[in-house]
Protein backbone atom coordinates (compact mmCIF):
# COMPACT_ATOMS: atom_id res chain seq x y z
CA MET A 1 34.60 21.93 -3.47
CA MET A 2 35.01 18.13 -3.33
CA ARG A 3 35.09 18.23 0.49
CA ALA A 4 31.71 19.96 0.57
CA ILE A 5 30.14 17.44 -1.82
CA LEU A 6 31.24 14.31 0.07
CA PRO A 7 29.47 15.13 3.37
CA LEU A 8 26.36 16.16 1.42
CA ALA A 9 26.43 12.89 -0.50
CA PHE A 10 26.72 10.98 2.79
CA VAL A 11 23.75 12.83 4.30
CA LEU A 12 21.64 12.21 1.19
CA ALA A 13 22.55 8.51 1.20
CA VAL A 14 21.55 8.11 4.87
CA LEU A 15 18.51 10.43 4.74
CA PRO A 16 15.98 7.88 3.37
CA ALA A 17 16.47 5.75 6.49
CA TRP A 18 15.49 8.79 8.59
CA ALA A 19 12.63 9.82 6.32
CA HIS A 20 9.89 7.83 8.07
CA GLN A 21 9.54 6.21 11.44
CA PRO A 22 8.58 2.51 11.18
CA VAL A 23 4.83 1.99 11.47
CA ASP A 24 2.79 -1.18 11.99
CA GLU A 25 -0.83 -0.43 12.71
CA THR A 26 -4.35 -1.44 11.76
CA LYS A 27 -6.41 1.25 10.06
CA SER A 28 -10.18 1.10 10.05
CA GLY A 29 -12.16 2.93 7.43
CA GLY A 30 -14.09 2.14 4.32
CA CYS A 31 -13.31 -0.19 1.49
CA LEU A 32 -14.44 1.85 -1.49
CA GLU A 33 -13.78 -0.82 -4.09
CA LEU A 34 -12.17 -4.20 -4.55
CA LYS A 35 -12.11 -5.92 -7.91
CA ILE A 36 -10.56 -9.31 -8.52
CA ASP A 37 -9.98 -9.87 -12.24
CA GLY A 38 -12.50 -7.10 -12.94
CA ARG A 39 -15.26 -8.60 -10.76
CA PRO A 40 -16.48 -6.56 -7.76
CA THR A 41 -15.73 -8.43 -4.54
CA SER A 42 -16.68 -7.72 -0.93
CA CYS A 43 -13.76 -6.62 1.21
CA ASN A 44 -13.31 -5.94 4.91
CA HIS A 45 -13.23 -2.42 6.29
CA ASP A 46 -9.83 -2.47 7.90
CA PHE A 47 -6.31 -2.99 6.73
CA ARG A 48 -2.85 -3.16 8.20
CA LEU A 49 -0.24 -0.59 7.19
CA VAL A 50 3.35 -1.73 7.68
CA ASP A 51 6.11 0.79 6.89
CA ASP A 52 9.64 -0.36 7.71
CA GLY A 53 10.91 3.24 7.62
CA GLN A 54 13.37 2.44 4.84
CA GLY A 55 11.17 2.62 1.77
CA GLU A 56 9.19 -0.63 1.96
CA VAL A 57 5.47 -0.27 2.66
CA ASN A 58 2.93 -3.11 2.87
CA PHE A 59 -0.86 -2.82 2.73
CA VAL A 60 -2.60 -5.93 4.09
CA THR A 61 -6.36 -6.42 3.70
CA GLY A 62 -8.86 -9.22 3.27
CA TYR A 63 -11.70 -10.24 0.98
CA ARG A 64 -14.20 -13.03 0.44
CA GLU A 65 -15.09 -13.97 -3.13
CA THR A 66 -18.19 -16.01 -2.23
CA SER A 67 -19.87 -16.93 1.02
CA ALA A 68 -18.80 -20.56 0.58
CA ARG A 69 -15.08 -19.79 0.29
CA PRO A 70 -12.87 -18.77 3.21
CA GLU A 71 -11.62 -15.21 3.51
CA ILE A 72 -8.40 -14.41 1.68
CA VAL A 73 -5.67 -12.13 3.00
CA VAL A 74 -3.88 -10.04 0.39
CA ASN A 75 -0.64 -8.16 1.03
CA PHE A 76 0.46 -5.48 -1.43
CA ALA A 77 4.25 -5.17 -1.00
CA THR A 78 5.61 -1.90 -2.36
CA ALA A 79 8.89 -0.05 -2.67
CA GLN A 80 9.03 3.71 -2.25
CA ALA A 81 11.42 5.83 -4.28
CA PRO A 82 12.38 9.31 -3.07
CA ASP A 83 11.34 10.83 -6.39
CA MET A 84 7.83 9.39 -6.08
CA GLU A 85 6.62 11.75 -3.32
CA ASN A 86 5.06 15.15 -3.80
CA ALA A 87 2.72 17.48 -1.92
CA TYR A 88 -0.29 15.30 -2.74
CA GLY A 89 1.04 11.95 -1.57
CA TYR A 90 3.15 8.96 -2.45
CA ALA A 91 3.34 6.71 -5.47
CA LEU A 92 4.63 3.30 -4.46
CA ARG A 93 5.95 0.76 -6.96
CA LEU A 94 4.37 -2.67 -6.43
CA THR A 95 6.92 -5.47 -6.09
CA ASN A 96 4.79 -8.49 -5.17
CA VAL A 97 1.43 -9.63 -3.86
CA THR A 98 1.04 -12.24 -1.14
CA LEU A 99 -2.17 -14.29 -1.03
CA MET A 100 -3.14 -16.44 1.94
CA THR A 101 -6.28 -18.10 3.26
CA VAL A 102 -7.25 -16.80 6.72
CA GLY A 103 -5.92 -19.18 9.36
CA ALA A 104 -3.35 -20.78 7.07
CA PRO A 105 -0.18 -18.65 7.30
CA ASP A 106 1.95 -21.65 6.34
CA ARG A 107 0.31 -21.70 2.90
CA GLN A 108 0.96 -18.14 1.85
CA ARG A 109 2.28 -17.56 -1.65
CA HIS A 110 4.27 -14.57 -2.87
CA TRP A 111 3.50 -13.64 -6.46
CA PRO A 112 5.62 -11.19 -8.47
CA ALA A 113 3.46 -8.26 -9.51
CA LYS A 114 3.65 -5.03 -11.42
CA GLY A 115 1.60 -1.96 -10.70
CA LEU A 116 1.34 1.05 -8.44
CA CYS A 117 -0.14 1.99 -5.12
CA PHE A 118 -0.99 5.59 -4.35
CA MET A 119 -1.34 6.96 -0.85
CA VAL A 120 -2.97 10.35 -1.12
CA LYS A 121 -2.25 12.71 1.76
CA PRO A 122 -5.08 14.64 3.35
CA ASN A 123 -5.29 18.20 2.19
CA PRO A 124 -6.50 20.48 4.99
CA VAL A 125 -9.35 22.68 3.83
CA ARG A 126 -10.94 25.59 5.66
CA ALA A 127 -14.68 26.09 5.99
CA GLY A 128 -14.74 29.61 7.32
CA THR A 129 -12.31 29.59 10.24
CA LYS A 130 -12.61 25.86 10.97
CA ALA A 131 -10.19 23.34 9.46
CA VAL A 132 -12.00 20.41 7.84
CA ARG A 133 -10.30 17.03 8.12
CA GLN A 134 -10.07 15.05 4.91
CA ASP A 135 -9.28 11.36 4.79
CA ILE A 136 -6.26 9.53 3.43
CA VAL A 137 -7.00 7.38 0.39
CA VAL A 138 -4.99 4.31 -0.64
CA MET A 139 -5.38 2.91 -4.15
CA CYS A 140 -3.57 -0.12 -5.54
CA SER A 141 -3.64 -1.78 -8.93
CA ALA A 142 -1.69 -5.02 -9.17
CA ASN A 143 -1.05 -7.19 -12.22
CA LEU A 144 0.27 -10.58 -11.16
CA VAL A 145 2.81 -11.62 -13.76
CA ASP A 146 3.06 -15.35 -12.96
CA ALA A 147 0.77 -17.41 -15.22
CA SER A 148 0.06 -19.88 -12.37
CA ALA A 149 -1.25 -17.15 -10.01
CA PRO A 150 -4.89 -17.69 -8.96
CA VAL A 151 -5.79 -14.13 -10.02
CA ARG A 152 -4.45 -11.85 -12.73
CA ARG A 153 -5.43 -8.37 -11.50
CA ILE A 154 -6.44 -6.78 -8.19
CA ASP A 155 -7.78 -3.22 -7.92
CA TRP A 156 -8.34 -1.83 -4.41
CA LYS A 157 -9.43 1.53 -3.01
CA PHE A 158 -9.62 2.28 0.70
CA VAL A 159 -10.20 5.42 2.73
CA PHE A 160 -9.28 6.00 6.38
């Protein structure tokens, strides 16, 4: 009995590394909502999805608070747990948020954050005999826990 359990335990320990192929691609779509500290803010209509294939997923997007200020890049860094996936999508635990002014990568700051990101899988639906494609939705809510962070809360919804 113990011999059968050990190989199974080894396979289960290695399986998360095989679960997803690494991905690094830009997704275009629609920014449904971006709120910075509860205020609606304009955001761009593309984002970068970076999945290292081992449970760490980053969502990178940009926003501009006012026309006078430069655009800000925000990176939602998340950690995926195997028990946080079901038929509808993934729940990703937020670990930190990186904020950076466009064109100033040397001044990026990593802020510890709490919250969740959800990546909802498309659910194929039939209209008669034709399959209808539904979009993937990403939603993140981040609470920055450091008192010196320039923002306290970021809520973001994107569809692609």
